[in-house]
Every structure is written in C-alpha cells, then in structure tokens.
Amino acid sequence: MTALAPTRQRLLRAAQELIDEGGYGAASVIAIAERAGVAAGTLYRHFSSKEELFVDLFRVVCDREVEAMRAAAEAMAPASPYVDRLETVMATFAQRALRRPRLAWALLAEPVDPLVDAERLAYRERYSALCAQTLRAAIDAGELPEQNVELVAAALVGGCGEALVGPLSPLAGATPSTAEIVSALRLFVRRAVGAS
C-alpha cells in the first residue's frame, strides 16, 4: 500500500472492519467515520464518495490476496510440479476466504455499487491470470493435457469462489473443517485440469 495520510488509512481500516463484521450494508459513512474517530464530513475530504472509498479498499485487500496466493506458490520447492503449485494457489485462496468468510462474501459475491463491481471483475481477471499462467506452465512441462487455459482458469476461480461463499455454497449450513474443505477443493482442482 502506498503511503497514505493517517486519516485516510484510518478510514480505510474502519471500512474494512465494518465490512468484515457486517458487509457493505454495515459500512455507512457515519459508521465508518465513527469507527475511524472522525466527523462524517472528513470522509469526503479524502474520498469523493463512499463508493470511491470502497473501490480503494477493495484494491488494497485484493492486492493482498493476490500477493498471498502468488507467495504461496513461490514458496514451494523450485522442482515442485506446476499442478501442485496450482493446487496451492487455490488452497491459499480457500483458506484465506474461510478464515474471514464475511469479508470473502463482500469481496466475491455481495451485491455492490457498479464501481466496486467493476473492480471486482478486474481482480477476478487477475486471479484467473495467475491460474492460467500456472496452467500454461504445467502444460508446457507435460504435466497436463492441452486445454483452453483461460477458460479453465476462469472456471476454477469462479467455481471455487461460488463453492466457498456464493448463494449456492453447500457450506452455509454445514460444518466441515477447513482441512476437509481445502482437501476437497484440491481434489476438484486436480480433476478439473486433467491431472492424474
């Protein structure tokens, strides 16, 4: 994150805390300002609108998520199969979403302002690009059969996101452990990409 004015940082932190607790609906201008310890009008000195604040927050949080997924893959042994790297990327995505399900719902699926939704699409494209890059490397290394890497990567990102936090997620009433969920998603990823 670039060096932000302390008040701007407090506003972003307050908005994230509120979204983490109750979603976008809980993050009103008044609630954000109160949590940050400033007057409501102060928010508008740092952001032209609440939507701009949400877009900035979305960028900060999603940059952190993309970096965590990339770092998890890069932390593996250099000789690790690319399929294992892809599994690790998606497992990291899942573990982080399961650790903070309310924030994951807000980032992935909660109905939001069109500006925030456009930013969400841009980040899904980044998640997909990271997966596509790893898929292409796995194909080039002979680990996977030839396939449309962009389509498969988009399906993995969309499918895993939906399974974790979407309205059709079977996890809403269930209580499987994080380890069980991540293990099932790893198996799904391997099968989806045609790994043996």
N, C-alpha and C. Protein backbone atom coordinates (compact mmCIF):
# COMPACT_ATOMS: atom_id res chain seq x y z
N MET A 1 0.85 -1.17 0.00
CA MET A 1 0.00 0.00 0.00
C MET A 1 0.90 1.23 0.00
N THR A 2 0.52 2.21 -0.80
CA THR A 2 1.30 3.44 -0.83
C THR A 2 1.11 4.18 0.48
N ALA A 3 2.02 5.10 0.74
CA ALA A 3 1.92 5.89 1.97
C ALA A 3 0.68 6.77 1.89
N LEU A 4 -0.26 6.52 2.75
CA LEU A 4 -1.50 7.29 2.78
C LEU A 4 -1.49 8.18 4.01
N ALA A 5 -2.23 9.26 3.92
CA ALA A 5 -2.39 10.12 5.09
C ALA A 5 -2.98 9.28 6.22
N PRO A 6 -2.56 9.53 7.46
CA PRO A 6 -3.06 8.72 8.57
C PRO A 6 -4.59 8.67 8.66
N THR A 7 -5.26 9.78 8.39
CA THR A 7 -6.73 9.78 8.47
C THR A 7 -7.32 8.90 7.38
N ARG A 8 -6.76 8.98 6.19
CA ARG A 8 -7.24 8.14 5.08
C ARG A 8 -7.04 6.66 5.43
N GLN A 9 -5.90 6.32 6.01
CA GLN A 9 -5.66 4.94 6.44
C GLN A 9 -6.67 4.51 7.49
N ARG A 10 -6.95 5.37 8.44
CA ARG A 10 -7.94 5.03 9.48
C ARG A 10 -9.31 4.80 8.87
N LEU A 11 -9.69 5.61 7.90
CA LEU A 11 -10.99 5.44 7.24
C LEU A 11 -11.04 4.11 6.49
N LEU A 12 -9.99 3.78 5.79
CA LEU A 12 -9.95 2.50 5.08
C LEU A 12 -10.00 1.34 6.06
N ARG A 13 -9.23 1.43 7.13
CA ARG A 13 -9.22 0.36 8.15
C ARG A 13 -10.60 0.23 8.79
N ALA A 14 -11.23 1.36 9.11
CA ALA A 14 -12.57 1.32 9.71
C ALA A 14 -13.57 0.69 8.76
N ALA A 15 -13.51 1.06 7.49
CA ALA A 15 -14.42 0.48 6.50
C ALA A 15 -14.20 -1.03 6.39
N GLN A 16 -12.94 -1.47 6.37
CA GLN A 16 -12.68 -2.90 6.28
C GLN A 16 -13.21 -3.63 7.50
N GLU A 17 -13.01 -3.08 8.68
CA GLU A 17 -13.51 -3.72 9.90
C GLU A 17 -15.03 -3.86 9.84
N LEU A 18 -15.71 -2.81 9.41
CA LEU A 18 -17.17 -2.85 9.35
C LEU A 18 -17.66 -3.84 8.30
N ILE A 19 -17.00 -3.86 7.15
CA ILE A 19 -17.38 -4.81 6.11
C ILE A 19 -17.10 -6.24 6.58
N ASP A 20 -15.99 -6.43 7.26
CA ASP A 20 -15.63 -7.74 7.80
C ASP A 20 -16.68 -8.22 8.81
N GLU A 21 -17.26 -7.30 9.55
CA GLU A 21 -18.25 -7.64 10.57
C GLU A 21 -19.65 -7.81 10.01
N GLY A 22 -20.04 -6.94 9.05
CA GLY A 22 -21.43 -6.99 8.61
C GLY A 22 -21.68 -6.70 7.15
N GLY A 23 -20.64 -6.71 6.34
CA GLY A 23 -20.81 -6.48 4.91
C GLY A 23 -20.90 -5.00 4.57
N TYR A 24 -21.10 -4.74 3.29
CA TYR A 24 -21.16 -3.36 2.81
C TYR A 24 -22.29 -2.57 3.46
N GLY A 25 -23.39 -3.23 3.74
CA GLY A 25 -24.52 -2.55 4.34
C GLY A 25 -24.21 -1.97 5.72
N ALA A 26 -23.30 -2.60 6.43
CA ALA A 26 -22.93 -2.13 7.77
C ALA A 26 -21.95 -0.97 7.72
N ALA A 27 -21.40 -0.71 6.53
CA ALA A 27 -20.35 0.31 6.41
C ALA A 27 -20.93 1.61 5.84
N SER A 28 -21.79 2.23 6.61
CA SER A 28 -22.33 3.53 6.22
C SER A 28 -21.26 4.60 6.46
N VAL A 29 -21.43 5.75 5.84
CA VAL A 29 -20.48 6.85 6.04
C VAL A 29 -20.37 7.19 7.52
N ILE A 30 -21.50 7.26 8.19
CA ILE A 30 -21.50 7.62 9.62
C ILE A 30 -20.77 6.56 10.44
N ALA A 31 -21.05 5.29 10.15
CA ALA A 31 -20.39 4.21 10.90
C ALA A 31 -18.89 4.19 10.64
N ILE A 32 -18.49 4.42 9.40
CA ILE A 32 -17.05 4.44 9.06
C ILE A 32 -16.37 5.59 9.80
N ALA A 33 -16.96 6.77 9.71
CA ALA A 33 -16.37 7.94 10.36
C ALA A 33 -16.29 7.74 11.87
N GLU A 34 -17.36 7.23 12.45
CA GLU A 34 -17.37 6.99 13.90
C GLU A 34 -16.28 6.00 14.30
N ARG A 35 -16.16 4.90 13.54
CA ARG A 35 -15.14 3.89 13.84
C ARG A 35 -13.73 4.47 13.69
N ALA A 36 -13.56 5.38 12.70
CA ALA A 36 -12.24 5.99 12.47
C ALA A 36 -11.96 7.14 13.44
N GLY A 37 -12.98 7.57 14.18
CA GLY A 37 -12.81 8.65 15.14
C GLY A 37 -12.75 10.03 14.51
N VAL A 38 -13.50 10.20 13.40
CA VAL A 38 -13.54 11.49 12.71
C VAL A 38 -15.00 11.87 12.44
N ALA A 39 -15.21 13.10 12.02
CA ALA A 39 -16.55 13.55 11.63
C ALA A 39 -16.88 12.97 10.25
N ALA A 40 -18.17 12.75 9.99
CA ALA A 40 -18.60 12.16 8.72
C ALA A 40 -18.11 12.97 7.51
N GLY A 41 -18.08 14.28 7.62
CA GLY A 41 -17.62 15.12 6.52
C GLY A 41 -16.15 14.91 6.17
N THR A 42 -15.39 14.42 7.14
CA THR A 42 -13.97 14.18 6.92
C THR A 42 -13.76 13.11 5.85
N LEU A 43 -14.65 12.14 5.79
CA LEU A 43 -14.54 11.09 4.78
C LEU A 43 -14.48 11.71 3.39
N TYR A 44 -15.30 12.73 3.17
CA TYR A 44 -15.38 13.35 1.83
C TYR A 44 -14.19 14.26 1.51
N ARG A 45 -13.35 14.55 2.49
CA ARG A 45 -12.10 15.27 2.20
C ARG A 45 -11.04 14.32 1.66
N HIS A 46 -11.23 13.01 1.93
CA HIS A 46 -10.26 12.01 1.50
C HIS A 46 -10.77 11.16 0.34
N PHE A 47 -12.07 11.07 0.19
CA PHE A 47 -12.69 10.28 -0.88
C PHE A 47 -13.85 11.08 -1.44
N SER A 48 -14.03 11.05 -2.75
CA SER A 48 -15.12 11.83 -3.34
C SER A 48 -16.48 11.22 -3.03
N SER A 49 -16.49 9.94 -2.69
CA SER A 49 -17.75 9.26 -2.35
C SER A 49 -17.45 8.01 -1.54
N LYS A 50 -18.49 7.45 -0.98
CA LYS A 50 -18.35 6.19 -0.26
C LYS A 50 -17.91 5.09 -1.22
N GLU A 51 -18.41 5.14 -2.45
CA GLU A 51 -18.04 4.15 -3.45
C GLU A 51 -16.54 4.22 -3.76
N GLU A 52 -15.99 5.43 -3.84
CA GLU A 52 -14.55 5.57 -4.08
C GLU A 52 -13.76 4.95 -2.94
N LEU A 53 -14.21 5.16 -1.71
CA LEU A 53 -13.56 4.53 -0.56
C LEU A 53 -13.60 3.02 -0.71
N PHE A 54 -14.77 2.47 -1.07
CA PHE A 54 -14.90 1.03 -1.21
C PHE A 54 -14.00 0.49 -2.33
N VAL A 55 -13.89 1.23 -3.43
CA VAL A 55 -13.02 0.80 -4.53
C VAL A 55 -11.57 0.77 -4.05
N ASP A 56 -11.14 1.83 -3.36
CA ASP A 56 -9.77 1.85 -2.83
C ASP A 56 -9.53 0.70 -1.85
N LEU A 57 -10.50 0.48 -0.98
CA LEU A 57 -10.38 -0.61 -0.02
C LEU A 57 -10.33 -1.95 -0.73
N PHE A 58 -11.18 -2.12 -1.72
CA PHE A 58 -11.21 -3.36 -2.48
C PHE A 58 -9.85 -3.62 -3.11
N ARG A 59 -9.23 -2.59 -3.67
CA ARG A 59 -7.91 -2.74 -4.29
C ARG A 59 -6.86 -3.16 -3.27
N VAL A 60 -6.86 -2.51 -2.12
CA VAL A 60 -5.88 -2.82 -1.08
C VAL A 60 -6.02 -4.27 -0.62
N VAL A 61 -7.25 -4.68 -0.32
CA VAL A 61 -7.49 -6.02 0.19
C VAL A 61 -7.20 -7.07 -0.89
N CYS A 62 -7.64 -6.83 -2.10
CA CYS A 62 -7.43 -7.82 -3.16
C CYS A 62 -5.96 -7.91 -3.58
N ASP A 63 -5.25 -6.79 -3.56
CA ASP A 63 -3.81 -6.86 -3.83
C ASP A 63 -3.13 -7.78 -2.82
N ARG A 64 -3.56 -7.68 -1.57
CA ARG A 64 -3.01 -8.52 -0.52
C ARG A 64 -3.35 -10.00 -0.79
N GLU A 65 -4.56 -10.27 -1.26
CA GLU A 65 -4.97 -11.65 -1.53
C GLU A 65 -4.18 -12.23 -2.71
N VAL A 66 -4.05 -11.46 -3.79
CA VAL A 66 -3.29 -11.94 -4.95
C VAL A 66 -1.85 -12.20 -4.55
N GLU A 67 -1.27 -11.30 -3.77
CA GLU A 67 0.12 -11.47 -3.34
C GLU A 67 0.27 -12.71 -2.46
N ALA A 68 -0.70 -12.99 -1.60
CA ALA A 68 -0.64 -14.18 -0.75
C ALA A 68 -0.67 -15.45 -1.59
N MET A 69 -1.51 -15.47 -2.61
CA MET A 69 -1.59 -16.64 -3.48
C MET A 69 -0.28 -16.82 -4.25
N ARG A 70 0.25 -15.73 -4.79
CA ARG A 70 1.50 -15.79 -5.53
C ARG A 70 2.65 -16.23 -4.61
N ALA A 71 2.71 -15.67 -3.42
CA ALA A 71 3.77 -16.01 -2.47
C ALA A 71 3.71 -17.48 -2.06
N ALA A 72 2.50 -18.02 -1.89
CA ALA A 72 2.36 -19.43 -1.51
C ALA A 72 2.93 -20.33 -2.60
N ALA A 73 2.66 -20.00 -3.86
CA ALA A 73 3.20 -20.79 -4.97
C ALA A 73 4.71 -20.64 -5.07
N GLU A 74 5.20 -19.44 -4.87
CA GLU A 74 6.64 -19.19 -4.98
C GLU A 74 7.43 -19.78 -3.82
N ALA A 75 6.76 -20.03 -2.71
CA ALA A 75 7.43 -20.60 -1.53
C ALA A 75 7.68 -22.10 -1.68
N MET A 76 7.06 -22.70 -2.67
CA MET A 76 7.25 -24.14 -2.88
C MET A 76 8.65 -24.41 -3.43
N ALA A 77 9.10 -25.63 -3.27
CA ALA A 77 10.40 -26.02 -3.80
C ALA A 77 10.43 -25.77 -5.31
N PRO A 78 11.55 -25.29 -5.84
CA PRO A 78 11.62 -24.97 -7.27
C PRO A 78 11.24 -26.12 -8.19
N ALA A 79 11.50 -27.35 -7.76
CA ALA A 79 11.19 -28.51 -8.61
C ALA A 79 9.75 -29.01 -8.45
N SER A 80 8.94 -28.32 -7.65
CA SER A 80 7.56 -28.76 -7.43
C SER A 80 6.79 -28.75 -8.74
N PRO A 81 5.96 -29.78 -8.96
CA PRO A 81 5.14 -29.79 -10.17
C PRO A 81 4.23 -28.55 -10.22
N TYR A 82 3.98 -28.08 -11.42
CA TYR A 82 3.11 -26.92 -11.59
C TYR A 82 1.69 -27.20 -11.14
N VAL A 83 1.25 -28.45 -11.27
CA VAL A 83 -0.09 -28.80 -10.80
C VAL A 83 -0.18 -28.60 -9.30
N ASP A 84 0.88 -28.96 -8.58
CA ASP A 84 0.91 -28.74 -7.13
C ASP A 84 0.87 -27.25 -6.82
N ARG A 85 1.53 -26.46 -7.64
CA ARG A 85 1.51 -25.00 -7.45
C ARG A 85 0.09 -24.47 -7.65
N LEU A 86 -0.58 -24.97 -8.68
CA LEU A 86 -1.95 -24.53 -8.93
C LEU A 86 -2.85 -24.90 -7.75
N GLU A 87 -2.70 -26.12 -7.26
CA GLU A 87 -3.46 -26.53 -6.08
C GLU A 87 -3.19 -25.60 -4.91
N THR A 88 -1.93 -25.25 -4.72
CA THR A 88 -1.53 -24.39 -3.61
C THR A 88 -2.14 -23.00 -3.76
N VAL A 89 -2.16 -22.47 -4.97
CA VAL A 89 -2.78 -21.16 -5.21
C VAL A 89 -4.25 -21.21 -4.82
N MET A 90 -4.96 -22.23 -5.29
CA MET A 90 -6.40 -22.31 -5.00
C MET A 90 -6.65 -22.65 -3.53
N ALA A 91 -5.77 -23.46 -2.92
CA ALA A 91 -5.92 -23.78 -1.49
C ALA A 91 -5.70 -22.53 -0.65
N THR A 92 -4.75 -21.70 -1.04
CA THR A 92 -4.50 -20.44 -0.32
C THR A 92 -5.71 -19.53 -0.43
N PHE A 93 -6.27 -19.44 -1.62
CA PHE A 93 -7.50 -18.68 -1.86
C PHE A 93 -8.59 -19.16 -0.91
N ALA A 94 -8.77 -20.48 -0.83
CA ALA A 94 -9.82 -21.06 0.01
C ALA A 94 -9.55 -20.83 1.50
N GLN A 95 -8.33 -21.09 1.93
CA GLN A 95 -8.01 -20.93 3.36
C GLN A 95 -8.25 -19.49 3.82
N ARG A 96 -7.83 -18.54 2.99
CA ARG A 96 -8.00 -17.14 3.37
C ARG A 96 -9.48 -16.76 3.38
N ALA A 97 -10.24 -17.27 2.43
CA ALA A 97 -11.68 -16.99 2.41
C ALA A 97 -12.38 -17.61 3.62
N LEU A 98 -11.99 -18.81 3.98
CA LEU A 98 -12.63 -19.48 5.11
C LEU A 98 -12.26 -18.84 6.44
N ARG A 99 -11.08 -18.25 6.51
CA ARG A 99 -10.65 -17.58 7.74
C ARG A 99 -11.50 -16.35 8.02
N ARG A 100 -11.92 -15.67 6.96
CA ARG A 100 -12.71 -14.44 7.11
C ARG A 100 -13.90 -14.50 6.14
N PRO A 101 -14.88 -15.35 6.44
CA PRO A 101 -15.97 -15.59 5.49
C PRO A 101 -16.81 -14.36 5.16
N ARG A 102 -17.00 -13.48 6.12
CA ARG A 102 -17.82 -12.29 5.85
C ARG A 102 -17.10 -11.37 4.87
N LEU A 103 -15.82 -11.18 5.05
CA LEU A 103 -15.04 -10.37 4.13
C LEU A 103 -14.97 -11.04 2.76
N ALA A 104 -14.80 -12.36 2.73
CA ALA A 104 -14.76 -13.08 1.46
C ALA A 104 -16.07 -12.90 0.70
N TRP A 105 -17.20 -12.98 1.40
CA TRP A 105 -18.51 -12.77 0.77
C TRP A 105 -18.57 -11.36 0.17
N ALA A 106 -18.11 -10.38 0.93
CA ALA A 106 -18.12 -9.00 0.45
C ALA A 106 -17.24 -8.83 -0.79
N LEU A 107 -16.09 -9.47 -0.79
CA LEU A 107 -15.15 -9.32 -1.91
C LEU A 107 -15.60 -10.10 -3.14
N LEU A 108 -16.25 -11.24 -2.94
CA LEU A 108 -16.54 -12.13 -4.06
C LEU A 108 -17.97 -12.08 -4.58
N ALA A 109 -18.94 -11.85 -3.72
CA ALA A 109 -20.31 -12.09 -4.16
C ALA A 109 -21.36 -11.08 -3.70
N GLU A 110 -21.11 -10.34 -2.65
CA GLU A 110 -22.14 -9.45 -2.12
C GLU A 110 -22.52 -8.39 -3.16
N PRO A 111 -23.82 -8.14 -3.34
CA PRO A 111 -24.21 -7.07 -4.28
C PRO A 111 -23.60 -5.74 -3.84
N VAL A 112 -22.98 -5.05 -4.80
CA VAL A 112 -22.27 -3.81 -4.51
C VAL A 112 -22.55 -2.78 -5.60
N ASP A 113 -22.08 -1.57 -5.35
CA ASP A 113 -22.15 -0.48 -6.30
C ASP A 113 -21.43 -0.88 -7.60
N PRO A 114 -21.89 -0.39 -8.76
CA PRO A 114 -21.25 -0.74 -10.03
C PRO A 114 -19.74 -0.45 -10.08
N LEU A 115 -19.28 0.61 -9.43
CA LEU A 115 -17.84 0.90 -9.43
C LEU A 115 -17.05 -0.19 -8.72
N VAL A 116 -17.58 -0.66 -7.62
CA VAL A 116 -16.93 -1.73 -6.86
C VAL A 116 -17.03 -3.03 -7.65
N ASP A 117 -18.16 -3.26 -8.29
CA ASP A 117 -18.33 -4.47 -9.08
C ASP A 117 -17.35 -4.51 -10.25
N ALA A 118 -17.09 -3.37 -10.87
CA ALA A 118 -16.09 -3.31 -11.95
C ALA A 118 -14.71 -3.66 -11.42
N GLU A 119 -14.40 -3.20 -10.23
CA GLU A 119 -13.11 -3.52 -9.61
C GLU A 119 -13.05 -5.01 -9.28
N ARG A 120 -14.15 -5.56 -8.82
CA ARG A 120 -14.22 -7.00 -8.52
C ARG A 120 -13.89 -7.81 -9.76
N LEU A 121 -14.46 -7.41 -10.90
CA LEU A 121 -14.20 -8.11 -12.15
C LEU A 121 -12.72 -8.04 -12.52
N ALA A 122 -12.11 -6.87 -12.32
CA ALA A 122 -10.68 -6.71 -12.63
C ALA A 122 -9.84 -7.66 -11.77
N TYR A 123 -10.21 -7.83 -10.52
CA TYR A 123 -9.43 -8.72 -9.66
C TYR A 123 -9.70 -10.18 -9.97
N ARG A 124 -10.91 -10.53 -10.34
CA ARG A 124 -11.16 -11.91 -10.77
C ARG A 124 -10.31 -12.23 -11.98
N GLU A 125 -10.16 -11.25 -12.86
CA GLU A 125 -9.29 -11.45 -14.02
C GLU A 125 -7.84 -11.68 -13.58
N ARG A 126 -7.39 -10.97 -12.55
CA ARG A 126 -6.03 -11.18 -12.04
C ARG A 126 -5.88 -12.56 -11.41
N TYR A 127 -6.88 -13.01 -10.64
CA TYR A 127 -6.84 -14.35 -10.07
C TYR A 127 -6.78 -15.38 -11.20
N SER A 128 -7.63 -15.19 -12.20
CA SER A 128 -7.66 -16.11 -13.33
C SER A 128 -6.34 -16.11 -14.09
N ALA A 129 -5.75 -14.93 -14.27
CA ALA A 129 -4.48 -14.85 -14.98
C ALA A 129 -3.38 -15.61 -14.24
N LEU A 130 -3.37 -15.51 -12.92
CA LEU A 130 -2.39 -16.25 -12.13
C LEU A 130 -2.58 -17.75 -12.32
N CYS A 131 -3.82 -18.21 -12.31
CA CYS A 131 -4.10 -19.63 -12.53
C CYS A 131 -3.74 -20.03 -13.96
N ALA A 132 -4.09 -19.20 -14.93
CA ALA A 132 -3.80 -19.51 -16.34
C ALA A 132 -2.30 -19.62 -16.57
N GLN A 133 -1.54 -18.74 -15.96
CA GLN A 133 -0.08 -18.78 -16.09
C GLN A 133 0.47 -20.11 -15.57
N THR A 134 -0.04 -20.56 -14.45
CA THR A 134 0.42 -21.82 -13.86
C THR A 134 -0.05 -23.00 -14.70
N LEU A 135 -1.27 -22.93 -15.22
CA LEU A 135 -1.77 -23.99 -16.09
C LEU A 135 -0.90 -24.11 -17.34
N ARG A 136 -0.59 -22.98 -17.96
CA ARG A 136 0.24 -22.99 -19.17
C ARG A 136 1.59 -23.63 -18.88
N ALA A 137 2.20 -23.29 -17.74
CA ALA A 137 3.49 -23.87 -17.37
C ALA A 137 3.35 -25.38 -17.17
N ALA A 138 2.25 -25.83 -16.58
CA ALA A 138 2.02 -27.27 -16.37
C ALA A 138 1.86 -28.00 -17.70
N ILE A 139 1.17 -27.39 -18.64
CA ILE A 139 1.01 -27.99 -19.97
C ILE A 139 2.36 -28.06 -20.68
N ASP A 140 3.09 -26.96 -20.64
CA ASP A 140 4.40 -26.91 -21.29
C ASP A 140 5.37 -27.93 -20.69
N ALA A 141 5.22 -28.23 -19.39
CA ALA A 141 6.09 -29.19 -18.71
C ALA A 141 5.61 -30.63 -18.92
N GLY A 142 4.50 -30.81 -19.63
CA GLY A 142 3.98 -32.14 -19.88
C GLY A 142 3.19 -32.73 -18.73
N GLU A 143 2.83 -31.92 -17.75
CA GLU A 143 2.08 -32.41 -16.60
C GLU A 143 0.58 -32.51 -16.88
N LEU A 144 0.10 -31.72 -17.82
CA LEU A 144 -1.33 -31.67 -18.12
C LEU A 144 -1.56 -31.76 -19.62
N PRO A 145 -2.73 -32.24 -20.02
CA PRO A 145 -3.07 -32.22 -21.44
C PRO A 145 -3.33 -30.79 -21.92
N GLU A 146 -3.22 -30.58 -23.21
CA GLU A 146 -3.53 -29.27 -23.79
C GLU A 146 -4.99 -28.94 -23.48
N GLN A 147 -5.24 -27.67 -23.17
CA GLN A 147 -6.59 -27.21 -22.85
C GLN A 147 -6.64 -25.69 -22.97
N ASN A 148 -7.83 -25.15 -22.97
CA ASN A 148 -8.02 -23.70 -23.03
C ASN A 148 -7.73 -23.15 -21.64
N VAL A 149 -6.51 -22.66 -21.42
CA VAL A 149 -6.10 -22.27 -20.07
C VAL A 149 -6.91 -21.10 -19.52
N GLU A 150 -7.29 -20.16 -20.38
CA GLU A 150 -8.07 -19.01 -19.88
C GLU A 150 -9.45 -19.45 -19.41
N LEU A 151 -10.10 -20.33 -20.17
CA LEU A 151 -11.42 -20.82 -19.79
C LEU A 151 -11.35 -21.66 -18.51
N VAL A 152 -10.39 -22.57 -18.45
CA VAL A 152 -10.26 -23.44 -17.28
C VAL A 152 -9.92 -22.61 -16.04
N ALA A 153 -9.02 -21.65 -16.18
CA ALA A 153 -8.65 -20.79 -15.04
C ALA A 153 -9.86 -20.01 -14.55
N ALA A 154 -10.64 -19.45 -15.47
CA ALA A 154 -11.84 -18.70 -15.07
C ALA A 154 -12.84 -19.61 -14.37
N ALA A 155 -12.97 -20.84 -14.87
CA ALA A 155 -13.90 -21.79 -14.24
C ALA A 155 -13.42 -22.17 -12.84
N LEU A 156 -12.11 -22.34 -12.67
CA LEU A 156 -11.58 -22.66 -11.34
C LEU A 156 -11.86 -21.53 -10.35
N VAL A 157 -11.54 -20.31 -10.75
CA VAL A 157 -11.74 -19.17 -9.86
C VAL A 157 -13.23 -19.00 -9.55
N GLY A 158 -14.05 -19.06 -10.58
CA GLY A 158 -15.50 -18.90 -10.36
C GLY A 158 -16.09 -20.04 -9.55
N GLY A 159 -15.69 -21.26 -9.88
CA GLY A 159 -16.22 -22.41 -9.17
C GLY A 159 -15.82 -22.45 -7.71
N CYS A 160 -14.55 -22.18 -7.45
CA CYS A 160 -14.08 -22.19 -6.06
C CYS A 160 -14.73 -21.05 -5.26
N GLY A 161 -14.83 -19.87 -5.86
CA GLY A 161 -15.48 -18.75 -5.18
C GLY A 161 -16.93 -19.06 -4.86
N GLU A 162 -17.63 -19.62 -5.83
CA GLU A 162 -19.04 -19.97 -5.62
C GLU A 162 -19.18 -21.03 -4.53
N ALA A 163 -18.31 -22.03 -4.57
CA ALA A 163 -18.39 -23.11 -3.58
C ALA A 163 -18.11 -22.61 -2.17
N LEU A 164 -17.27 -21.59 -2.05
CA LEU A 164 -16.89 -21.09 -0.73
C LEU A 164 -17.88 -20.09 -0.16
N VAL A 165 -18.37 -19.15 -0.99
CA VAL A 165 -19.17 -18.07 -0.43
C VAL A 165 -20.43 -17.72 -1.20
N GLY A 166 -20.63 -18.32 -2.34
CA GLY A 166 -21.78 -17.95 -3.16
C GLY A 166 -23.09 -18.42 -2.58
N PRO A 167 -24.19 -17.95 -3.13
CA PRO A 167 -25.50 -18.33 -2.61
C PRO A 167 -25.79 -19.82 -2.75
N LEU A 168 -25.09 -20.52 -3.63
CA LEU A 168 -25.29 -21.96 -3.78
C LEU A 168 -24.31 -22.79 -2.97
N SER A 169 -23.47 -22.11 -2.19
CA SER A 169 -22.45 -22.82 -1.41
C SER A 169 -23.08 -23.82 -0.46
N PRO A 170 -22.60 -25.06 -0.52
CA PRO A 170 -23.11 -26.06 0.43
C PRO A 170 -22.56 -25.85 1.84
N LEU A 171 -21.69 -24.89 2.03
CA LEU A 171 -21.07 -24.68 3.33
C LEU A 171 -21.92 -23.85 4.27
N ALA A 172 -22.98 -23.23 3.76
CA ALA A 172 -23.79 -22.32 4.57
C ALA A 172 -24.29 -22.97 5.85
N GLY A 173 -24.83 -24.18 5.77
CA GLY A 173 -25.36 -24.82 6.97
C GLY A 173 -24.47 -25.94 7.48
N ALA A 174 -23.47 -26.30 6.70
CA ALA A 174 -22.60 -27.41 7.07
C ALA A 174 -21.47 -26.94 7.97
N THR A 175 -20.83 -27.87 8.61
CA THR A 175 -19.71 -27.52 9.46
C THR A 175 -18.49 -28.40 9.19
N PRO A 176 -18.15 -28.62 7.90
CA PRO A 176 -16.91 -29.36 7.68
C PRO A 176 -15.72 -28.52 8.11
N SER A 177 -14.63 -29.18 8.43
CA SER A 177 -13.44 -28.45 8.86
C SER A 177 -12.79 -27.77 7.66
N THR A 178 -11.98 -26.77 7.96
CA THR A 178 -11.23 -26.08 6.90
C THR A 178 -10.38 -27.08 6.15
N ALA A 179 -9.76 -28.00 6.86
CA ALA A 179 -8.90 -29.01 6.21
C ALA A 179 -9.71 -29.87 5.23
N GLU A 180 -10.93 -30.27 5.62
CA GLU A 180 -11.77 -31.07 4.73
C GLU A 180 -12.16 -30.28 3.48
N ILE A 181 -12.50 -29.03 3.66
CA ILE A 181 -12.91 -28.19 2.54
C ILE A 181 -11.73 -27.98 1.58
N VAL A 182 -10.58 -27.64 2.13
CA VAL A 182 -9.40 -27.40 1.30
C VAL A 182 -8.99 -28.67 0.58
N SER A 183 -9.05 -29.80 1.25
CA SER A 183 -8.71 -31.08 0.63
C SER A 183 -9.66 -31.38 -0.54
N ALA A 184 -10.94 -31.15 -0.34
CA ALA A 184 -11.92 -31.37 -1.42
C ALA A 184 -11.67 -30.43 -2.60
N LEU A 185 -11.33 -29.17 -2.31
CA LEU A 185 -11.04 -28.23 -3.40
C LEU A 185 -9.76 -28.60 -4.13
N ARG A 186 -8.75 -29.08 -3.42
CA ARG A 186 -7.52 -29.54 -4.08
C ARG A 186 -7.85 -30.67 -5.06
N LEU A 187 -8.66 -31.62 -4.62
CA LEU A 187 -9.05 -32.74 -5.47
C LEU A 187 -9.84 -32.23 -6.68
N PHE A 188 -10.75 -31.30 -6.44
CA PHE A 188 -11.53 -30.70 -7.54
C PHE A 188 -10.60 -30.06 -8.57
N VAL A 189 -9.61 -29.29 -8.09
CA VAL A 189 -8.68 -28.61 -9.00
C VAL A 189 -7.94 -29.63 -9.84
N ARG A 190 -7.41 -30.67 -9.21
CA ARG A 190 -6.65 -31.70 -9.96
C ARG A 190 -7.52 -32.34 -11.03
N ARG A 191 -8.73 -32.69 -10.66
CA ARG A 191 -9.62 -33.36 -11.64
C ARG A 191 -10.04 -32.40 -12.74
N ALA A 192 -10.32 -31.17 -12.37
CA ALA A 192 -10.79 -30.18 -13.35
C ALA A 192 -9.76 -29.90 -14.43
N VAL A 193 -8.48 -29.95 -14.06
CA VAL A 193 -7.44 -29.61 -15.05
C VAL A 193 -6.89 -30.87 -15.74
N GLY A 194 -7.37 -32.05 -15.36
CA GLY A 194 -6.95 -33.28 -16.02
C GLY A 194 -5.67 -33.88 -15.49
N ALA A 195 -5.33 -33.55 -14.24
CA ALA A 195 -4.13 -34.13 -13.64
C ALA A 195 -4.40 -35.56 -13.23
N SER A 196 -3.37 -36.39 -13.27
CA SER A 196 -3.55 -37.79 -12.87
C SER A 196 -3.54 -37.89 -11.36
